[in-house]
């Protein structure tokens, strides 16, 4: 047996280990959930086709969404489960449509979420060790940023908008710069009441010859304008903007970064000790592993998917990302879970691992 076949066999064994159920979701899947959950940017990477009834389908672009959907539709929903996989996914790349393999582990409703995440981290390191790779690790935390945001001094109307830009550094920087500009917000009473504004909008639409029952109703237009006025009147303190900018700029070895963030929070009288302690625990799990290189933490690091809820990570070589994953409880909520179900997992880019061993 060749070295490549031996490594592939060892990787397959990790996805079918004790307490893990190997799964192989359908290759042809409904496309709408991907557009709804991952947005247009991810949608451009889908390989699409249409059914005879007009329904849009895609070739499987990942395993996490179909595995999560099947779990929620099963009798095991809400019960502890572990699923492993190894198989092809299909995406558009710069060079054209591509088929390549992914492996991974998905854990749901585990009794100890911290132990579950450690299990995912160990699985990821074991997969890389199979290929003789000692990765660097990049950590981030959605939970830590959300805790800081929840405790920071600002009008509530801005919290969700700032959170929505987390993981999008350019958009976040533009928003914070705009909030820091005193000319972009006006303190004081709003210029219109809702009911008065609705009447003005309706009158203007009629005068312009526009239908009141068209694609956008007077109520929708008035509500959007009122929302903009509410935001314009809600000033975010400059100290809070500076705090967020400083947090997002943190990028260093994990221990140094977490100490720095703890100091930022303490200076503002903010308690984020719980998510910081969780991060330190998982950092120490990684630090204790023999086959791991530098471990860093970046305040602004998060996948561009808003269903991640806790710690996120990437394991990399000098050629790029080999494993990515983290905690994603919010995905199950968005797919219709009646209560919060913890979830953590990771995906291993098998084609990149095999390319590493050929270099």
Protein backbone atom coordinates (compact mmCIF):
# COMPACT_ATOMS: atom_id res chain seq x y z
CA UNK A 1 0.00 0.00 0.00
CA UNK A 2 1.35 3.45 -0.92
CA UNK A 3 2.06 6.16 1.68
CA UNK A 4 -0.88 8.20 0.33
CA UNK A 5 -3.28 5.26 0.65
CA UNK A 6 -2.00 4.49 4.15
CA UNK A 7 -2.56 8.08 5.27
CA UNK A 8 -6.03 8.15 3.71
CA UNK A 9 -6.90 4.93 5.52
CA UNK A 10 -5.69 6.37 8.84
CA UNK A 11 -7.74 9.53 8.26
CA UNK A 12 -10.83 7.44 7.50
CA UNK A 13 -10.29 5.56 10.76
CA UNK A 14 -10.42 8.87 12.68
CA UNK A 15 -13.85 9.65 11.20
CA UNK A 16 -15.13 6.21 12.21
CA UNK A 17 -13.67 5.98 15.70
CA UNK A 18 -15.28 4.92 18.98
CA UNK A 19 -18.57 6.69 19.58
CA UNK A 20 -18.57 8.30 16.11
CA UNK A 21 -21.20 7.50 13.49
CA UNK A 22 -19.85 7.77 9.93
CA UNK A 23 -22.31 9.54 7.61
CA UNK A 24 -22.50 10.32 3.90
CA UNK A 25 -25.22 12.92 3.12
CA UNK A 26 -26.74 13.13 -0.39
CA UNK A 27 -24.57 14.73 -3.04
CA UNK A 28 -27.53 16.65 -4.52
CA UNK A 29 -28.98 19.11 -2.01
CA UNK A 30 -31.48 22.02 -2.00
CA UNK A 31 -29.57 25.24 -2.68
CA UNK A 32 -31.79 27.72 -0.82
CA UNK A 33 -30.49 26.89 2.68
CA UNK A 34 -26.97 27.77 1.56
CA UNK A 35 -28.08 31.13 0.17
CA UNK A 36 -30.11 31.80 3.34
CA UNK A 37 -27.36 30.85 5.78
CA UNK A 38 -24.12 31.63 3.96
CA UNK A 39 -25.13 34.49 1.68
CA UNK A 40 -24.37 35.44 -1.89
CA UNK A 41 -20.59 35.26 -1.48
CA UNK A 42 -20.73 31.55 -0.68
CA UNK A 43 -23.55 31.12 -3.18
CA UNK A 44 -21.25 32.08 -6.03
CA UNK A 45 -19.18 28.99 -5.25
CA UNK A 46 -22.09 26.56 -5.60
CA UNK A 47 -22.53 24.24 -8.58
CA UNK A 48 -26.22 24.64 -9.36
CA UNK A 49 -28.89 22.76 -11.28
CA UNK A 50 -32.70 22.87 -11.45
CA UNK A 51 -35.29 20.17 -10.95
CA UNK A 52 -38.19 19.74 -13.36
CA UNK A 53 -40.40 21.67 -10.93
CA UNK A 54 -38.00 24.63 -10.89
CA UNK A 55 -36.46 23.84 -7.50
CA UNK A 56 -32.80 24.87 -7.37
CA UNK A 57 -30.30 22.27 -6.22
CA UNK A 58 -26.55 22.26 -5.71
CA UNK A 59 -23.86 19.64 -5.60
CA UNK A 60 -22.82 19.16 -1.97
CA UNK A 61 -20.51 22.10 -1.11
CA UNK A 62 -19.91 21.03 2.50
CA UNK A 63 -20.95 18.44 5.06
CA UNK A 64 -21.90 20.54 8.08
CA UNK A 65 -25.26 21.85 6.84
CA UNK A 66 -26.71 18.52 5.58
CA UNK A 67 -25.45 16.66 8.66
CA UNK A 68 -26.98 19.27 10.97
CA UNK A 69 -30.27 19.26 9.06
CA UNK A 70 -30.51 15.46 9.15
CA UNK A 71 -29.74 15.43 12.87
CA UNK A 72 -32.51 17.92 13.63
CA UNK A 73 -34.98 15.88 11.55
CA UNK A 74 -34.05 12.62 13.29
CA UNK A 75 -35.36 11.05 16.48
CA UNK A 76 -31.98 11.84 18.06
CA UNK A 77 -32.48 15.60 17.85
CA UNK A 78 -31.46 17.12 21.17
CA UNK A 79 -29.55 14.00 22.24
CA UNK A 80 -25.74 13.68 22.23
CA UNK A 81 -24.44 12.54 18.85
CA UNK A 82 -21.08 12.46 17.07
CA UNK A 83 -20.81 12.21 13.29
CA UNK A 84 -17.72 11.69 11.16
CA UNK A 85 -17.32 12.03 7.42
CA UNK A 86 -14.88 11.66 4.57
CA UNK A 87 -15.97 12.26 1.01
CA UNK A 88 -16.20 14.63 -1.95
CA UNK A 89 -17.56 18.17 -2.00
CA UNK A 90 -18.03 20.39 -5.04
CA UNK A 91 -17.29 24.11 -5.38
CA UNK A 92 -16.50 26.74 -7.94
CA UNK A 93 -12.89 27.90 -7.76
CA UNK A 94 -10.95 30.44 -9.80
CA UNK A 95 -9.83 27.63 -12.08
CA UNK A 96 -13.40 26.38 -12.56
CA UNK A 97 -15.65 23.71 -11.00
CA UNK A 98 -13.70 21.46 -8.65
CA UNK A 99 -14.34 18.22 -6.78
CA UNK A 100 -12.21 17.53 -3.72
CA UNK A 101 -12.45 15.61 -0.47
CA UNK A 102 -13.18 16.82 3.03
CA UNK A 103 -13.06 14.96 6.31
CA UNK A 104 -14.48 16.09 9.60
CA UNK A 105 -16.19 15.61 12.92
CA UNK A 106 -19.47 17.15 14.12
CA UNK A 107 -20.59 16.93 17.77
CA UNK A 108 -24.10 17.81 18.92
CA UNK A 109 -25.68 18.21 22.38
CA UNK A 110 -22.63 16.96 24.24
CA UNK A 111 -22.99 17.09 28.03
CA UNK A 112 -19.73 19.02 28.40
CA UNK A 113 -19.32 21.57 25.57
CA UNK A 114 -15.73 22.33 26.62
CA UNK A 115 -14.78 18.66 26.47
CA UNK A 116 -16.52 18.48 23.08
CA UNK A 117 -14.45 21.33 21.67
CA UNK A 118 -11.26 19.78 23.03
CA UNK A 119 -12.26 16.54 21.30
CA UNK A 120 -12.63 18.45 18.02
CA UNK A 121 -9.21 20.09 18.48
CA UNK A 122 -7.58 16.73 19.21
CA UNK A 123 -9.28 15.20 16.16
CA UNK A 124 -7.95 18.02 13.97
CA UNK A 125 -4.39 17.65 15.31
CA UNK A 126 -4.59 13.87 14.86
CA UNK A 127 -5.66 14.29 11.24
CA UNK A 128 -2.68 16.55 10.57
CA UNK A 129 -0.31 14.22 12.44
CA UNK A 130 -1.41 11.45 10.09
CA UNK A 131 0.17 13.49 7.30
CA UNK A 132 3.23 14.46 9.34
CA UNK A 133 2.20 18.12 9.64
CA UNK A 134 2.88 20.32 12.66
CA UNK A 135 0.48 23.25 12.19
CA UNK A 136 0.28 26.74 13.55
CA UNK A 137 -3.09 27.52 15.16
CA UNK A 138 -5.12 30.68 14.81
CA UNK A 139 -7.78 31.20 17.50
CA UNK A 140 -10.70 33.60 17.68
CA UNK A 141 -13.82 33.91 19.79
CA UNK A 142 -17.26 35.08 18.78
CA UNK A 143 -18.40 34.68 22.40
CA UNK A 144 -15.63 36.92 23.72
CA UNK A 145 -16.45 39.71 21.28
CA UNK A 146 -20.18 39.41 21.99
CA UNK A 147 -19.52 39.59 25.76
CA UNK A 148 -17.45 42.73 25.27
CA UNK A 149 -20.11 44.22 23.01
CA UNK A 150 -22.94 43.42 25.44
CA UNK A 151 -21.15 45.12 28.33
CA UNK A 152 -19.78 48.13 26.43
CA UNK A 153 -21.39 51.55 26.86
CA UNK A 154 -23.50 52.22 23.75
CA UNK A 155 -27.13 52.55 22.63
CA UNK A 156 -28.71 49.12 22.15
CA UNK A 157 -29.66 49.89 18.54
CA UNK A 158 -25.99 49.67 17.53
CA UNK A 159 -25.07 46.35 19.14
CA UNK A 160 -26.59 44.04 16.52
CA UNK A 161 -25.23 46.14 13.66
CA UNK A 162 -21.71 46.01 15.03
CA UNK A 163 -22.06 42.28 15.73
CA UNK A 164 -23.26 41.69 12.17
CA UNK A 165 -19.94 43.05 10.84
CA UNK A 166 -17.76 40.89 13.07
CA UNK A 167 -15.60 38.74 10.82
CA UNK A 168 -15.78 41.34 8.04
CA UNK A 169 -12.80 43.57 8.89
CA UNK A 170 -13.23 46.12 6.11
CA UNK A 171 -16.93 46.64 6.83
CA UNK A 172 -16.27 46.80 10.58
CA UNK A 173 -13.50 49.38 10.15
CA UNK A 174 -15.74 51.57 7.97
CA UNK A 175 -18.58 51.42 10.49
CA UNK A 176 -16.39 52.28 13.48
CA UNK A 177 -14.76 55.13 11.57
CA UNK A 178 -18.20 56.49 10.69
CA UNK A 179 -19.37 56.19 14.30
CA UNK A 180 -16.24 58.03 15.45
CA UNK A 181 -16.98 60.96 13.12
CA UNK A 182 -19.04 63.53 15.09
CA UNK A 183 -20.60 64.78 11.84
CA UNK A 184 -22.34 61.47 11.11
CA UNK A 185 -24.66 61.47 14.13
CA UNK A 186 -26.96 64.04 15.62
CA UNK A 187 -27.89 63.90 19.28
CA UNK A 188 -31.34 64.97 20.35
CA UNK A 189 -34.94 64.27 19.45
CA UNK A 190 -35.87 62.55 16.21
CA UNK A 191 -37.24 64.89 13.50
CA UNK A 192 -40.33 62.73 12.86
CA UNK A 193 -42.75 60.59 14.79
CA UNK A 194 -43.62 57.26 13.15
CA UNK A 195 -47.26 58.13 12.42
CA UNK A 196 -46.39 61.56 11.00
CA UNK A 197 -43.63 60.14 8.83
CA UNK A 198 -45.96 57.48 7.38
CA UNK A 199 -48.37 60.17 6.21
CA UNK A 200 -45.59 62.22 4.61
CA UNK A 201 -44.24 59.18 2.72
CA UNK A 202 -47.69 58.20 1.46
CA UNK A 203 -48.38 61.75 0.24
CA UNK A 204 -45.05 61.95 -1.57
CA UNK A 205 -45.62 58.58 -3.26
CA UNK A 206 -49.06 59.67 -4.49
CA UNK A 207 -47.70 63.02 -5.75
CA UNK A 208 -44.96 61.16 -7.63
CA UNK A 209 -47.46 58.80 -9.24
CA UNK A 210 -46.19 55.74 -7.37
CA UNK A 211 -48.39 52.85 -6.33
CA UNK A 212 -49.05 52.47 -2.60
CA UNK A 213 -49.29 48.70 -3.08
CA UNK A 214 -46.09 48.22 -5.10
CA UNK A 215 -42.94 46.34 -4.15
CA UNK A 216 -42.29 48.70 -1.21
CA UNK A 217 -45.22 49.96 0.85
CA UNK A 218 -45.32 53.36 2.58
CA UNK A 219 -45.04 51.51 5.90
CA UNK A 220 -41.80 49.79 4.80
CA UNK A 221 -40.26 53.00 3.48
CA UNK A 222 -41.24 54.97 6.58
CA UNK A 223 -39.93 52.26 8.91
CA UNK A 224 -36.60 52.15 7.10
CA UNK A 225 -36.24 55.93 7.24
CA UNK A 226 -37.25 56.00 10.92
CA UNK A 227 -34.65 53.29 11.64
CA UNK A 228 -31.95 55.39 9.97
CA UNK A 229 -33.00 58.45 11.98
CA UNK A 230 -32.94 56.42 15.20
CA UNK A 231 -29.41 55.24 14.47
CA UNK A 232 -28.29 58.75 13.53
CA UNK A 233 -29.56 60.09 16.85
CA UNK A 234 -27.90 57.35 18.91
CA UNK A 235 -24.32 58.33 19.64
CA UNK A 236 -21.73 55.72 20.56
CA UNK A 237 -19.22 57.11 23.10
CA UNK A 238 -15.74 57.65 21.70
CA UNK A 239 -14.29 55.56 24.54
CA UNK A 240 -16.38 52.60 23.40
CA UNK A 241 -15.30 52.99 19.79
CA UNK A 242 -11.66 53.09 20.87
CA UNK A 243 -12.20 49.98 23.03
CA UNK A 244 -13.65 48.05 20.08
CA UNK A 245 -10.92 49.20 17.72
CA UNK A 246 -8.23 48.21 20.22
CA UNK A 247 -9.83 44.81 20.79
CA UNK A 248 -10.11 44.10 17.07
CA UNK A 249 -6.48 45.07 16.52
CA UNK A 250 -5.17 42.47 19.00
CA UNK A 251 -3.13 39.84 17.15
CA UNK A 252 -0.35 38.05 19.04
CA UNK A 253 0.60 34.75 20.61
CA UNK A 254 -2.46 33.54 22.47
CA UNK A 255 -1.25 34.04 26.02
CA UNK A 256 -0.05 37.59 25.35
CA UNK A 257 -3.21 38.44 23.42
CA UNK A 258 -5.56 37.23 26.15
CA UNK A 259 -3.67 39.16 28.83
CA UNK A 260 -3.90 42.27 26.64
CA UNK A 261 -7.65 41.83 26.15
CA UNK A 262 -8.17 41.29 29.87
CA UNK A 263 -6.43 44.63 30.48
CA UNK A 264 -8.59 46.42 27.90
CA UNK A 265 -11.75 45.16 29.58
CA UNK A 266 -10.57 45.96 33.11
CA UNK A 267 -9.71 49.51 32.07
CA UNK A 268 -13.37 49.98 31.10
CA UNK A 269 -14.76 48.14 34.13
CA UNK A 270 -16.05 45.30 31.94
CA UNK A 271 -16.18 41.69 33.15
CA UNK A 272 -15.44 39.14 30.41
CA UNK A 273 -13.71 36.69 32.72
CA UNK A 274 -15.90 33.69 31.78
CA UNK A 275 -15.22 33.61 28.01
CA UNK A 276 -11.58 34.53 28.69
CA UNK A 277 -11.21 31.57 31.05
CA UNK A 278 -12.73 29.23 28.46
CA UNK A 279 -10.29 30.46 25.86
CA UNK A 280 -7.34 29.96 28.17
CA UNK A 281 -8.47 26.40 28.94
CA UNK A 282 -8.58 25.43 25.25
CA UNK A 283 -5.34 27.25 24.56
CA UNK A 284 -3.70 25.12 27.24
CA UNK A 285 -5.15 21.96 25.63
CA UNK A 286 -3.47 22.95 22.38
CA UNK A 287 -0.28 24.04 24.11
CA UNK A 288 0.06 20.61 25.72
CA UNK A 289 -0.06 18.84 22.34
CA UNK A 290 3.29 17.71 20.94
CA UNK A 291 2.51 18.25 17.25
CA UNK A 292 1.54 21.92 17.29
CA UNK A 293 3.48 25.05 16.45
CA UNK A 294 2.75 28.67 17.32
CA UNK A 295 -0.72 29.36 18.74
CA UNK A 296 -2.00 32.88 18.13
CA UNK A 297 -5.19 34.77 18.94
CA UNK A 298 -6.75 37.51 16.83
CA UNK A 299 -9.51 39.68 18.24
CA UNK A 300 -11.13 40.23 14.86
CA UNK A 301 -10.91 36.66 13.56
CA UNK A 302 -14.16 34.86 12.78
CA UNK A 303 -15.46 32.90 9.78
CA UNK A 304 -17.81 34.95 7.59
CA UNK A 305 -20.78 32.92 8.77
CA UNK A 306 -22.92 34.39 11.52
CA UNK A 307 -23.98 31.07 13.03
CA UNK A 308 -20.69 30.61 14.92
CA UNK A 309 -21.20 31.25 18.62
CA UNK A 310 -18.06 30.47 20.60
CA UNK A 311 -14.41 29.69 19.96
CA UNK A 312 -13.29 29.36 16.34
CA UNK A 313 -9.98 28.14 14.96
CA UNK A 314 -7.85 27.44 11.93
CA UNK A 315 -4.87 25.12 11.70
CA UNK A 316 -2.43 26.18 9.03
CA UNK A 317 0.84 25.44 7.29
CA UNK A 318 2.90 27.94 5.33
CA UNK A 319 0.78 26.94 2.29
CA UNK A 320 -2.58 27.88 3.83
CA UNK A 321 -5.47 26.64 5.97
CA UNK A 322 -5.69 22.87 6.44
CA UNK A 323 -8.43 22.64 9.10
CA UNK A 324 -11.13 25.08 10.19
CA UNK A 325 -13.85 24.80 12.78
CA UNK A 326 -15.31 25.88 16.08
CA UNK A 327 -18.58 26.15 17.98
CA UNK A 328 -21.73 26.87 15.99
CA UNK A 329 -24.79 26.51 18.24
CA UNK A 330 -26.60 29.26 16.34
CA UNK A 331 -26.80 27.15 13.18
CA UNK A 332 -29.17 24.71 14.85
CA UNK A 333 -31.35 27.56 16.08
CA UNK A 334 -31.52 29.02 12.58
CA UNK A 335 -32.48 25.62 11.20
CA UNK A 336 -35.45 25.45 13.58
CA UNK A 337 -34.24 23.86 16.82
CA UNK A 338 -36.83 24.56 19.51
CA UNK A 339 -34.13 25.04 22.15
CA UNK A 340 -30.42 25.70 22.22
CA UNK A 341 -28.34 22.67 21.25
CA UNK A 342 -24.59 22.89 21.55
CA UNK A 343 -22.55 22.09 18.45
CA UNK A 344 -18.87 22.00 17.58
CA UNK A 345 -16.92 20.54 14.74
CA UNK A 346 -14.25 20.98 12.10
CA UNK A 347 -13.52 20.33 8.45
CA UNK A 348 -10.22 18.96 7.16
CA UNK A 349 -9.13 19.95 3.64
CA UNK A 350 -7.86 16.57 2.43
CA UNK A 351 -6.66 17.84 -0.96
CA UNK A 352 -4.43 20.39 0.77
CA UNK A 353 -3.05 17.77 3.17
CA UNK A 354 -2.16 15.49 0.28
CA UNK A 355 -0.59 18.39 -1.60
CA UNK A 356 1.57 19.11 1.47
CA UNK A 357 3.00 15.60 1.47
CA UNK A 358 3.84 15.85 -2.23
CA UNK A 359 5.91 19.05 -1.80
